[in-house]
Protein backbone atom coordinates (compact mmCIF):
# COMPACT_ATOMS: atom_id res chain seq x y z
CA LEU A 1 8.81 12.44 -50.24
CA PRO A 2 5.43 12.24 -48.63
CA ARG A 3 5.45 10.27 -45.43
CA GLU A 4 3.51 7.29 -46.87
CA TYR A 5 6.27 6.83 -49.46
CA CYS A 6 8.96 7.08 -46.87
CA ARG A 7 7.56 4.44 -44.78
CA VAL A 8 7.42 2.00 -47.70
CA LEU A 9 10.84 3.17 -48.90
CA ARG A 10 12.97 2.19 -45.94
CA ARG A 11 16.18 3.12 -47.43
CA THR A 12 18.51 6.07 -47.34
CA VAL A 13 17.68 8.74 -49.97
CA VAL A 14 20.90 9.99 -51.28
CA LEU A 15 19.51 12.67 -53.48
CA PHE A 16 16.05 14.12 -53.64
CA ILE A 17 15.53 16.67 -56.37
CA GLY A 18 11.95 17.40 -55.72
CA ILE A 19 9.74 19.08 -58.28
CA ILE A 20 11.80 19.30 -61.53
CA PRO A 21 11.84 22.81 -63.12
CA ILE A 22 10.68 21.48 -66.45
CA ARG A 23 9.94 25.02 -67.78
CA ILE A 24 13.73 25.95 -67.69
CA GLY A 25 13.85 24.37 -71.22
CA LYS A 26 14.82 20.98 -72.36
CA GLN A 27 18.47 21.40 -72.93
CA GLU A 28 18.86 23.19 -69.59
CA LEU A 29 16.90 20.43 -67.83
CA HIS A 30 18.93 17.69 -69.46
CA THR A 31 22.21 19.57 -68.40
CA LEU A 32 20.89 19.87 -64.92
CA LEU A 33 19.99 16.23 -64.61
CA MET A 34 23.25 14.97 -66.22
CA THR A 35 25.24 17.15 -63.91
CA TRP A 36 23.82 15.70 -60.70
CA LEU A 37 22.37 12.21 -61.39
CA PRO A 38 25.80 10.68 -62.18
CA ARG A 39 27.00 11.88 -58.78
CA LEU A 40 24.84 9.52 -56.99
CA ALA A 41 26.74 7.22 -54.71
CA PRO A 42 26.67 3.41 -55.66
CA ASP A 43 23.38 1.98 -54.56
CA GLY A 44 22.02 5.62 -54.33
CA TYR A 45 18.59 6.75 -55.23
CA ALA A 46 17.22 10.03 -56.59
CA TYR A 47 13.49 10.81 -56.68
CA LEU A 48 12.15 13.31 -59.22
CA VAL A 49 8.63 14.72 -59.01
CA VAL A 50 7.31 15.69 -62.35
CA GLN A 51 3.87 16.70 -63.48
CA LYS A 52 2.33 14.13 -65.86
CA ASN A 53 1.25 16.79 -68.46
CA LEU A 54 4.71 18.24 -68.50
CA GLY A 55 6.34 15.19 -70.00
CA SER A 56 7.12 12.84 -67.10
CA ASP A 57 6.85 9.72 -69.30
CA SER A 58 9.13 11.07 -72.04
CA LEU A 59 11.63 12.27 -69.31
CA MET A 60 11.77 8.68 -67.91
CA ARG A 61 12.46 7.34 -71.45
CA TRP A 62 15.22 9.99 -72.01
CA LEU A 63 16.85 9.26 -68.54
CA ALA A 64 16.86 5.52 -69.30
CA GLN A 65 18.67 6.17 -72.67
CA ALA A 66 20.93 8.95 -71.39
CA LEU A 67 22.27 7.42 -68.20
CA PRO A 68 24.77 4.53 -68.25
CA ASP A 69 23.76 0.93 -67.72
CA THR A 70 24.76 1.25 -64.07
CA PHE A 71 21.43 3.12 -63.48
CA THR A 72 17.77 2.09 -63.54
CA VAL A 73 14.90 4.49 -64.05
CA ALA A 74 11.32 3.62 -62.96
CA LYS A 75 8.05 5.01 -62.07
CA TYR A 76 7.94 4.93 -58.31
CA ALA A 77 4.54 6.45 -57.64
CA SER A 78 1.79 8.54 -59.31
CA SER A 79 -0.67 10.82 -57.62
CA LYS A 80 -2.80 13.98 -58.29
CA GLY A 81 -1.24 14.60 -61.64
CA TYR A 82 2.31 14.00 -60.62
CA ARG A 83 4.74 11.16 -61.10
CA VAL A 84 7.60 10.29 -58.81
CA ILE A 85 10.47 8.96 -60.99
CA GLU A 86 13.06 6.75 -59.19
CA VAL A 87 16.63 6.81 -60.40
CA HIS A 88 18.79 4.07 -58.88
CA ARG A 89 22.59 3.80 -59.29
CA LEU A 90 23.31 0.00 -59.01
CA PRO A 91 26.03 -0.99 -56.50
């Protein structure tokens, strides 16, 4: 994450996926995310960087529906055509 976000964050990042490979295909992307996100430790966070024009908003909606109720999905930040999506596994 950029330094300005890390200073505000003040928590341990358990998983940082970085720029999501959206162009691998929708099914492959869903498989990738559903393989790794459920492995987050309780109270763990994942931050996904996705271009706005490559479906960041629809990805957030899909994650919120696909992950169990023990997860929250929210827009953490937005800058220069990218969104940072925060996925939090509740304790």
